[in-house]
Amino acid sequence: MLITTADRLELMLDARAEATRFRTENPPSAFHEHKLEKVWERASTAPAYAPLPPFSMETFRDHPITRKEDLKARPLDYCIVEPAEADKYYETTGTTGRPTPTPRLAEDAIRNAVSVAEAWRPLLGERDRVLVLLPSDVVPVGDLVVHVCEYLGAVHTRAYPFATGICDWDRLTQIWETLRPTVLYVAPGVAQQLTRLLKRRDQLAAHRASVEKIMLLGEVNTAPFRARLGAWWQAEVYDASYGSTETGTLATSCHAGRQHLLLAANHFELATADGVWPLRAGERGRLVVTPLNLHARPLLRLDTGDEVTLADDCRCGTAAPSVTVHGRSSDALVLAGAKVTVREVEEIVYGETAATGYLMEVDPEGRPLRLLLERDSDWDRGAEGELADAVQAASRSSLRVTWGDVRFVNALPVNTKSGASQKSWKRTNLRVVEAGS
């Protein structure tokens, strides 16, 4: 994120002032109204939105919800610049369908990076040495973390071990010995695979010695998983951020371990069975967002498709509501007539066992056949019967699902671990098989 002009320097300083102003207080309604009017003006020049009536909060609230399916079907119709006119060009991962082209201007990248950096400032400092185990090709997450590190003055390097090229697992361990990272930015699946590898090589103790924090991005993760990872690495583990390529970052972690919505960078609503409403603590629904700082592709009232629950009781004292992300509504499974989400499954898998991964096998009608759990390297096979019973009991209680069998395996397919660049929960953690298989 090189600042090469006076205009970009002024933009960065304005973004910093905005982010720090609302670090401990929520933006007033006048702030959002002013920002929304600017977004409305930009959106009015996009083919997907034009023409728009004059802006008012009433016309904004009456504007139809933008469906993610429509955005994916004709993404460039929502843009106000051509890809060749952008400062950066990204695409979504394509884990839920066709990749979505996402050009960004300097305003998009700078404002998003600064808002995230200021939110992460209590967790990341100049003394930190950061190892970024995130994809760098096409998707923006690797760039975002690098921009944050540059802004905060933390030394860093990228080393994504699933990319074919310069950095495989062996090269990663060599980099580790030199850099001695204090902070890891990593997707949960990659963290699992890295832990298994180091345990198998009897190198985990040496590698975790320098690590103080693990920042998880790219996939839904649960408190039991973070506790398990923290115990393995003897480090603090955070659910670092939540967002998407289309929207930018929507929430970031606090020092108490929760995620808080970035209210100065986004206007949020909640879609429930009763309609679309302002945010209310204790409510659950799909998050609807109007990013306030998107310039290349302004979006109005985008239904993210993500099921969330809101709360306002975080002990960190942040004024913004905290958010628990349950996963995409489209990712929910129906097993034996019961709706199951990624969070609900992983709270059982990582809460009841020390498994390093899992794979659900169902028949073509959605009946649960088997739950395969991956053994850790120091696994006690004598306790597997008891663990299987505990998983079945928890599944019946929490999911209303009884597995035909719970089995333990030495290794699962690598695509269950490859992280946000390649991973879709329904594609990599679910296998449809014939009932007799």
Protein backbone atom coordinates (compact mmCIF):
# COMPACT_ATOMS: atom_id res chain seq x y z
CA MET A 1 0.00 0.00 0.00
CA LEU A 2 2.50 2.58 -1.17
CA ILE A 3 1.43 6.20 -0.67
CA THR A 4 2.83 7.88 -3.78
CA THR A 5 0.80 11.11 -4.01
CA ALA A 6 -0.35 13.90 -1.72
CA ASP A 7 -3.96 12.90 -2.44
CA ARG A 8 -3.37 9.36 -1.22
CA LEU A 9 -1.58 10.62 1.88
CA GLU A 10 -4.54 12.87 2.64
CA LEU A 11 -6.88 9.92 2.06
CA MET A 12 -4.93 7.73 4.48
CA LEU A 13 -4.85 10.44 7.16
CA ASP A 14 -8.60 11.01 6.77
CA ALA A 15 -9.23 7.27 7.09
CA ARG A 16 -7.05 7.17 10.21
CA ALA A 17 -8.91 10.07 11.82
CA GLU A 18 -12.24 8.43 11.06
CA ALA A 19 -11.20 5.02 12.42
CA THR A 20 -9.66 6.40 15.62
CA ARG A 21 -12.59 8.75 16.26
CA PHE A 22 -15.02 5.85 16.38
CA ARG A 23 -12.80 3.34 18.14
CA THR A 24 -14.61 3.77 21.46
CA GLU A 25 -17.92 5.26 20.34
CA ASN A 26 -20.47 4.42 17.66
CA PRO A 27 -20.90 6.80 14.72
CA PRO A 28 -23.96 9.09 15.02
CA SER A 29 -26.83 8.72 12.57
CA ALA A 30 -25.74 11.92 10.78
CA PHE A 31 -22.39 10.29 9.95
CA HIS A 32 -24.07 7.30 8.35
CA GLU A 33 -26.57 9.43 6.50
CA HIS A 34 -23.80 11.56 4.99
CA LYS A 35 -21.78 8.50 4.01
CA LEU A 36 -24.81 6.69 2.58
CA GLU A 37 -25.65 9.68 0.42
CA LYS A 38 -22.16 9.51 -1.11
CA VAL A 39 -22.51 5.76 -1.72
CA TRP A 40 -25.93 6.41 -3.29
CA GLU A 41 -24.43 8.98 -5.65
CA ARG A 42 -21.69 6.59 -6.73
CA ALA A 43 -24.13 3.69 -7.16
CA SER A 44 -26.40 5.80 -9.36
CA THR A 45 -23.80 5.59 -12.15
CA ALA A 46 -23.65 1.76 -12.06
CA PRO A 47 -25.83 -0.04 -14.65
CA ALA A 48 -27.29 -2.35 -12.01
CA TYR A 49 -28.66 0.53 -9.91
CA ALA A 50 -29.31 3.36 -12.37
CA PRO A 51 -31.48 5.30 -12.30
CA LEU A 52 -31.86 6.09 -8.60
CA PRO A 53 -34.21 8.72 -7.15
CA PRO A 54 -32.79 11.57 -5.05
CA PHE A 55 -31.30 10.27 -1.81
CA SER A 56 -33.04 10.28 1.53
CA MET A 57 -32.97 7.77 4.36
CA GLU A 58 -36.52 6.85 3.41
CA THR A 59 -35.61 6.11 -0.22
CA PHE A 60 -32.58 4.17 1.01
CA ARG A 61 -34.70 1.98 3.31
CA ASP A 62 -37.21 1.43 0.52
CA HIS A 63 -34.56 0.38 -1.97
CA PRO A 64 -34.70 -3.35 -2.77
CA ILE A 65 -32.17 -5.66 -1.19
CA THR A 66 -29.27 -6.53 -3.50
CA ARG A 67 -29.15 -10.30 -3.77
CA LYS A 68 -25.75 -11.95 -3.83
CA GLU A 69 -26.98 -14.18 -6.66
CA ASP A 70 -27.57 -11.10 -8.82
CA LEU A 71 -24.15 -9.69 -7.99
CA LYS A 72 -22.51 -12.97 -8.97
CA ALA A 73 -24.57 -13.25 -12.17
CA ARG A 74 -23.57 -9.82 -13.52
CA PRO A 75 -20.79 -8.44 -11.30
CA LEU A 76 -19.47 -5.79 -13.70
CA ASP A 77 -22.93 -4.17 -13.92
CA TYR A 78 -22.43 -3.06 -10.31
CA CYS A 79 -19.04 -1.49 -11.06
CA ILE A 80 -18.48 2.15 -11.94
CA VAL A 81 -14.99 1.51 -13.33
CA GLU A 82 -13.68 -1.03 -15.82
CA PRO A 83 -11.17 -3.58 -14.49
CA ALA A 84 -8.46 -1.88 -16.55
CA GLU A 85 -9.15 1.40 -14.74
CA ALA A 86 -8.73 -0.08 -11.28
CA ASP A 87 -5.69 0.10 -9.01
CA LYS A 88 -6.10 -3.54 -7.98
CA TYR A 89 -7.99 -6.45 -9.49
CA TYR A 90 -9.25 -9.39 -7.43
CA GLU A 91 -11.73 -12.22 -7.79
CA THR A 92 -13.65 -14.19 -5.20
CA THR A 93 -12.48 -17.73 -4.54
CA GLY A 94 -15.39 -19.33 -6.36
CA THR A 95 -16.08 -21.75 -3.50
CA THR A 96 -19.82 -21.03 -3.79
CA GLY A 97 -20.02 -20.71 -7.57
CA ARG A 98 -18.43 -18.75 -10.37
CA PRO A 99 -15.63 -16.37 -9.22
CA THR A 100 -16.76 -12.74 -9.05
CA PRO A 101 -14.51 -10.10 -10.67
CA THR A 102 -13.73 -7.40 -8.09
CA PRO A 103 -11.78 -4.32 -9.20
CA ARG A 104 -10.71 -1.89 -6.48
CA LEU A 105 -9.51 1.68 -6.51
CA ALA A 106 -6.94 3.15 -4.15
CA GLU A 107 -9.79 4.53 -2.00
CA ASP A 108 -11.13 0.99 -1.50
CA ALA A 109 -7.79 -0.54 -0.50
CA ILE A 110 -6.53 2.31 1.69
CA ARG A 111 -9.72 2.86 3.67
CA ASN A 112 -10.25 -0.86 4.26
CA ALA A 113 -6.64 -1.42 5.35
CA VAL A 114 -6.62 1.56 7.71
CA SER A 115 -9.94 0.65 9.35
CA VAL A 116 -8.74 -2.91 9.95
CA ALA A 117 -5.28 -1.82 11.12
CA GLU A 118 -6.68 0.61 13.69
CA ALA A 119 -9.05 -2.09 14.96
CA TRP A 120 -6.17 -4.59 15.21
CA ARG A 121 -3.76 -2.10 16.77
CA PRO A 122 -4.26 -3.49 20.32
CA LEU A 123 -3.30 -6.96 19.02
CA LEU A 124 -0.46 -6.16 16.62
CA GLY A 125 2.52 -3.88 17.11
CA GLU A 126 5.90 -2.79 15.77
CA ARG A 127 7.75 -5.43 17.78
CA ASP A 128 5.82 -8.26 16.15
CA ARG A 129 7.18 -10.55 13.46
CA VAL A 130 4.29 -11.72 11.30
CA LEU A 131 4.09 -14.86 9.19
CA VAL A 132 1.22 -14.63 6.69
CA LEU A 133 0.07 -18.17 5.83
CA LEU A 134 -2.72 -16.92 3.57
CA PRO A 135 -3.25 -17.05 -0.19
CA SER A 136 -1.77 -14.17 -2.15
CA ASP A 137 -3.02 -14.92 -5.66
CA VAL A 138 -6.21 -13.27 -6.99
CA VAL A 139 -7.97 -12.95 -3.60
CA PRO A 140 -7.29 -9.85 -1.44
CA VAL A 141 -6.77 -11.35 2.02
CA GLY A 142 -2.98 -11.68 1.71
CA ASP A 143 -2.65 -8.09 0.50
CA LEU A 144 -4.86 -6.84 3.32
CA VAL A 145 -2.71 -8.36 6.06
CA VAL A 146 0.46 -7.08 4.38
CA HIS A 147 -1.02 -3.57 4.13
CA VAL A 148 -1.94 -3.69 7.83
CA CYS A 149 1.57 -4.81 8.78
CA GLU A 150 3.10 -2.01 6.70
CA TYR A 151 0.78 0.55 8.28
CA LEU A 152 1.54 -0.64 11.83
CA GLY A 153 5.25 -1.18 11.20
CA ALA A 154 5.39 -4.93 11.84
CA VAL A 155 7.96 -7.00 9.96
CA HIS A 156 6.23 -9.67 7.88
CA THR A 157 6.52 -12.22 5.10
CA ARG A 158 4.05 -14.27 3.08
CA ALA A 159 4.44 -18.04 3.02
CA TYR A 160 1.31 -19.88 1.84
CA PRO A 161 2.29 -23.58 1.72
CA PHE A 162 -0.55 -24.74 -0.56
CA ALA A 163 0.51 -22.57 -3.51
CA THR A 164 2.54 -24.43 -6.11
CA GLY A 165 5.80 -22.56 -6.39
CA ILE A 166 8.49 -21.24 -4.09
CA CYS A 167 7.11 -22.02 -0.62
CA ASP A 168 6.29 -25.61 0.31
CA TRP A 169 6.14 -27.00 3.84
CA ASP A 170 9.89 -27.58 4.04
CA ARG A 171 10.67 -24.03 2.92
CA LEU A 172 8.14 -22.76 5.45
CA THR A 173 9.95 -24.41 8.35
CA GLN A 174 13.25 -22.92 7.14
CA ILE A 175 11.74 -19.43 7.05
CA TRP A 176 10.42 -20.04 10.55
CA GLU A 177 13.87 -20.69 11.94
CA THR A 178 15.10 -17.32 10.67
CA LEU A 179 12.07 -15.09 11.23
CA ARG A 180 10.94 -16.61 14.55
CA PRO A 181 7.39 -15.27 14.07
CA THR A 182 5.41 -13.92 17.00
CA VAL A 183 2.09 -13.73 15.10
CA LEU A 184 0.57 -16.13 12.57
CA TYR A 185 -2.20 -15.13 10.16
CA VAL A 186 -3.72 -18.37 8.93
CA ALA A 187 -6.94 -20.10 7.89
CA PRO A 188 -8.20 -22.74 10.36
CA GLY A 189 -7.67 -25.64 7.95
CA VAL A 190 -4.10 -24.59 7.23
CA ALA A 191 -3.45 -24.28 10.96
CA GLN A 192 -4.67 -27.85 11.42
CA GLN A 193 -2.45 -29.21 8.67
CA LEU A 194 0.58 -27.27 9.90
CA THR A 195 0.07 -28.56 13.44
CA ARG A 196 -0.21 -32.17 12.25
CA LEU A 197 2.94 -31.81 10.16
CA LEU A 198 5.01 -30.33 12.97
CA LYS A 199 3.77 -32.88 15.48
CA ARG A 200 4.62 -35.72 13.11
CA ARG A 201 8.14 -34.30 12.71
CA ASP A 202 8.43 -33.66 16.45
CA GLN A 203 8.99 -29.96 15.69
CA LEU A 204 5.93 -28.31 17.21
CA ALA A 205 7.61 -27.33 20.48
CA ALA A 206 10.45 -25.59 18.65
CA HIS A 207 8.16 -23.73 16.27
CA ARG A 208 5.61 -22.58 18.83
CA ALA A 209 8.30 -21.18 21.14
CA SER A 210 8.22 -17.75 19.50
CA VAL A 211 4.49 -17.61 18.67
CA GLU A 212 2.31 -15.46 20.90
CA LYS A 213 -0.83 -14.98 18.81
CA ILE A 214 -2.64 -16.85 16.05
CA MET A 215 -5.06 -14.80 13.95
CA LEU A 216 -7.60 -16.96 12.11
CA LEU A 217 -9.18 -15.75 8.86
CA GLY A 218 -11.02 -17.11 5.87
CA GLU A 219 -13.39 -19.67 7.40
CA VAL A 220 -15.90 -19.94 10.21
CA ASN A 221 -14.22 -21.18 13.37
CA THR A 222 -15.54 -21.93 16.83
CA ALA A 223 -14.49 -21.30 20.42
CA PRO A 224 -13.73 -25.03 20.99
CA PHE A 225 -11.49 -25.05 17.92
CA ARG A 226 -9.68 -21.89 19.04
CA ALA A 227 -9.19 -23.39 22.51
CA ARG A 228 -7.83 -26.61 20.97
CA LEU A 229 -5.45 -24.71 18.70
CA GLY A 230 -4.37 -22.47 21.57
CA ALA A 231 -3.53 -25.51 23.69
CA TRP A 232 -1.49 -27.07 20.89
CA TRP A 233 0.46 -23.87 20.27
CA GLN A 234 0.40 -22.41 23.80
CA ALA A 235 -0.68 -19.12 22.25
CA GLU A 236 -3.64 -16.74 22.19
CA VAL A 237 -5.96 -17.54 19.28
CA TYR A 238 -8.30 -14.94 17.77
CA ASP A 239 -11.09 -14.99 15.22
CA ALA A 240 -9.31 -12.14 13.47
CA SER A 241 -11.83 -10.78 11.00
CA TYR A 242 -14.97 -11.39 9.01
CA GLY A 243 -15.84 -10.08 5.57
CA SER A 244 -15.68 -10.97 1.90
CA THR A 245 -13.93 -10.03 -1.30
CA GLU A 246 -17.08 -8.26 -2.49
CA THR A 247 -17.63 -6.14 0.62
CA GLY A 248 -14.24 -5.71 2.29
CA THR A 249 -13.86 -6.28 6.03
CA LEU A 250 -17.04 -6.16 8.11
CA ALA A 251 -15.83 -7.10 11.62
CA THR A 252 -12.56 -7.52 13.51
CA SER A 253 -11.45 -9.23 16.70
CA CYS A 254 -10.99 -7.48 20.03
CA HIS A 255 -8.58 -8.45 22.81
CA ALA A 256 -11.42 -10.29 24.57
CA GLY A 257 -11.71 -12.66 21.61
CA ARG A 258 -14.97 -11.50 20.06
CA GLN A 259 -15.57 -9.86 16.70
CA HIS A 260 -17.06 -6.36 16.50
CA LEU A 261 -18.78 -4.85 13.50
CA LEU A 262 -16.90 -1.99 11.84
CA LEU A 263 -19.66 0.60 12.07
CA ALA A 264 -17.57 3.47 10.73
CA ALA A 265 -16.91 1.56 7.53
CA ASN A 266 -20.28 -0.11 6.97
CA HIS A 267 -24.01 0.39 7.44
CA PHE A 268 -25.61 -2.82 8.70
CA GLU A 269 -29.11 -4.25 8.78
CA LEU A 270 -30.48 -7.66 9.71
CA ALA A 271 -32.77 -9.77 7.53
CA THR A 272 -35.18 -11.92 9.53
CA ALA A 273 -38.38 -13.80 8.76
CA ASP A 274 -40.25 -10.61 9.65
CA GLY A 275 -38.33 -8.33 7.29
CA VAL A 276 -35.13 -6.25 7.23
CA TRP A 277 -34.48 -4.25 10.39
CA PRO A 278 -31.83 -2.13 12.11
CA LEU A 279 -29.36 -4.06 14.25
CA ARG A 280 -30.70 -5.34 17.55
CA ALA A 281 -28.68 -7.14 20.23
CA GLY A 282 -29.74 -10.74 20.73
CA GLU A 283 -31.22 -11.04 17.24
CA ARG A 284 -30.26 -13.69 14.70
CA GLY A 285 -30.63 -13.31 10.94
CA ARG A 286 -28.77 -12.70 7.69
CA LEU A 287 -26.45 -9.73 7.67
CA VAL A 288 -27.30 -7.01 5.15
CA VAL A 289 -24.52 -4.49 4.50
CA THR A 290 -23.95 -1.26 2.63
CA PRO A 291 -20.16 -0.71 2.65
CA LEU A 292 -19.50 3.00 3.09
CA ASN A 293 -16.06 3.09 1.48
CA LEU A 294 -16.46 1.09 -1.74
CA HIS A 295 -15.69 3.20 -4.79
CA ALA A 296 -14.99 0.85 -7.67
CA ARG A 297 -18.16 -1.14 -7.00
CA PRO A 298 -20.59 0.54 -4.59
CA LEU A 299 -23.17 -1.85 -3.15
CA LEU A 300 -26.56 -0.97 -1.70
CA ARG A 301 -28.12 -3.20 0.94
CA LEU A 302 -26.27 -6.38 -0.05
CA ASP A 303 -27.67 -9.54 1.53
CA THR A 304 -24.44 -11.33 2.47
CA GLY A 305 -26.24 -14.65 2.97
CA ASP A 306 -24.35 -15.06 6.26
CA GLU A 307 -26.33 -16.12 9.33
CA VAL A 308 -25.21 -14.09 12.35
CA THR A 309 -26.18 -13.41 15.95
CA LEU A 310 -25.58 -10.01 17.56
CA ALA A 311 -24.66 -9.19 21.17
CA ASP A 312 -23.68 -6.11 23.18
CA ASP A 313 -22.12 -7.59 26.32
CA CYS A 314 -18.43 -7.88 25.39
CA ARG A 315 -16.09 -7.22 28.32
CA CYS A 316 -13.62 -5.35 26.07
CA GLY A 317 -15.84 -2.27 26.31
CA THR A 318 -16.11 -1.68 22.56
CA ALA A 319 -19.29 0.20 21.76
CA ALA A 320 -19.98 -1.65 18.49
CA PRO A 321 -22.04 -4.84 18.78
CA SER A 322 -20.21 -8.14 18.63
CA VAL A 323 -21.18 -10.64 15.98
CA THR A 324 -21.12 -14.44 15.87
CA VAL A 325 -20.99 -15.73 12.30
CA HIS A 326 -22.71 -19.08 11.88
CA GLY A 327 -21.82 -19.44 8.20
CA ARG A 328 -23.50 -18.90 4.87
CA SER A 329 -27.17 -19.81 4.87
CA SER A 330 -26.47 -21.60 1.57
CA ASP A 331 -23.87 -23.74 3.36
CA ALA A 332 -26.36 -25.14 5.84
CA LEU A 333 -27.07 -28.85 5.39
CA VAL A 334 -30.26 -30.77 5.93
CA LEU A 335 -29.37 -34.08 7.54
CA ALA A 336 -32.25 -36.43 8.31
CA GLY A 337 -34.59 -33.44 8.20
CA ALA A 338 -32.50 -31.29 10.57
CA LYS A 339 -30.76 -28.08 9.46
CA VAL A 340 -27.08 -28.19 10.38
CA THR A 341 -24.51 -25.37 10.18
CA VAL A 342 -20.72 -25.47 10.12
CA ARG A 343 -20.52 -23.85 13.55
CA GLU A 344 -22.81 -26.44 15.13
CA VAL A 345 -20.85 -29.36 13.68
CA GLU A 346 -17.45 -27.96 14.64
CA GLU A 347 -18.50 -27.14 18.18
CA ILE A 348 -19.09 -30.87 18.61
CA VAL A 349 -16.05 -32.14 16.71
CA TYR A 350 -13.57 -29.84 18.46
CA GLY A 351 -15.44 -29.60 21.73
CA GLU A 352 -15.70 -33.35 22.31
CA THR A 353 -12.51 -34.60 20.67
CA ALA A 354 -8.94 -33.62 19.81
CA ALA A 355 -9.48 -34.54 16.15
CA THR A 356 -7.54 -32.48 13.63
CA GLY A 357 -10.28 -32.62 10.99
CA TYR A 358 -13.53 -34.27 9.98
CA LEU A 359 -15.53 -35.46 6.97
CA MET A 360 -19.29 -36.08 6.92
CA GLU A 361 -20.60 -38.89 4.71
CA VAL A 362 -24.28 -38.87 3.75
CA ASP A 363 -26.41 -40.82 1.28
CA PRO A 364 -28.08 -39.12 -1.72
CA GLU A 365 -31.20 -38.43 0.39
CA GLY A 366 -29.17 -36.63 3.08
CA ARG A 367 -29.23 -39.39 5.69
CA PRO A 368 -26.10 -39.26 7.87
CA LEU A 369 -24.03 -42.39 7.30
CA ARG A 370 -20.64 -41.73 8.87
CA LEU A 371 -18.68 -39.02 10.59
CA LEU A 372 -14.97 -39.50 9.95
CA LEU A 373 -12.64 -37.92 12.52
CA GLU A 374 -8.92 -37.49 11.89
CA ARG A 375 -6.59 -38.79 14.59
CA ASP A 376 -3.99 -36.47 16.09
CA SER A 377 -0.39 -37.71 16.07
CA ASP A 378 -0.44 -38.46 19.83
CA TRP A 379 -3.88 -40.08 19.72
CA ASP A 380 -5.13 -42.58 22.31
CA ARG A 381 -6.87 -45.26 20.25
CA GLY A 382 -8.08 -46.98 23.37
CA ALA A 383 -10.42 -44.06 24.06
CA GLU A 384 -12.07 -44.05 20.63
CA GLY A 385 -15.19 -45.93 21.73
CA GLU A 386 -15.84 -43.42 24.50
CA LEU A 387 -15.18 -40.50 22.14
CA ALA A 388 -17.57 -41.91 19.54
CA ASP A 389 -20.30 -42.20 22.17
CA ALA A 390 -19.70 -38.60 23.31
CA VAL A 391 -19.90 -37.32 19.72
CA GLN A 392 -23.12 -39.25 19.09
CA ALA A 393 -24.70 -37.93 22.29
CA ALA A 394 -23.73 -34.34 21.48
CA SER A 395 -24.97 -34.73 17.89
CA ARG A 396 -28.35 -36.00 19.04
CA SER A 397 -28.66 -33.22 21.60
CA SER A 398 -27.41 -30.25 19.57
CA LEU A 399 -28.01 -31.26 15.94
CA ARG A 400 -30.90 -33.71 16.33
CA VAL A 401 -28.78 -36.04 14.20
CA THR A 402 -27.61 -39.60 14.85
CA TRP A 403 -24.69 -40.79 12.75
CA GLY A 404 -24.79 -44.31 11.34
CA ASP A 405 -21.21 -44.64 12.52
CA VAL A 406 -18.42 -42.50 13.97
CA ARG A 407 -15.04 -43.65 12.70
CA PHE A 408 -11.47 -42.50 13.24
CA VAL A 409 -8.94 -42.29 10.40
CA ASN A 410 -5.25 -41.48 10.19
CA ALA A 411 -5.58 -38.83 7.47
CA LEU A 412 -8.31 -37.00 5.57
CA PRO A 413 -8.10 -35.55 2.04
CA VAL A 414 -5.87 -32.50 1.93
CA ASN A 415 -8.66 -30.34 0.48
CA THR A 416 -10.34 -30.37 3.90
CA LYS A 417 -7.34 -28.34 5.13
CA SER A 418 -6.31 -26.07 2.28
CA GLY A 419 -7.90 -22.92 3.62
CA ALA A 420 -9.83 -19.99 2.27
CA SER A 421 -8.41 -19.99 -1.24
CA GLN A 422 -9.70 -23.46 -2.07
CA LYS A 423 -12.12 -24.47 0.65
CA SER A 424 -15.91 -24.65 0.64
CA TRP A 425 -17.37 -26.40 3.66
CA LYS A 426 -20.03 -28.31 1.72
CA ARG A 427 -17.55 -29.34 -0.97
CA THR A 428 -14.64 -30.38 1.23
CA ASN A 429 -16.22 -31.58 4.50
CA LEU A 430 -19.18 -33.43 2.97
CA ARG A 431 -19.13 -36.54 0.80
CA VAL A 432 -22.21 -38.10 -0.74
CA VAL A 433 -21.96 -41.88 -0.97
CA GLU A 434 -24.32 -44.76 -1.62
CA ALA A 435 -25.88 -46.15 1.56
CA GLY A 436 -24.24 -49.55 1.10
CA SER A 437 -20.73 -48.16 0.52
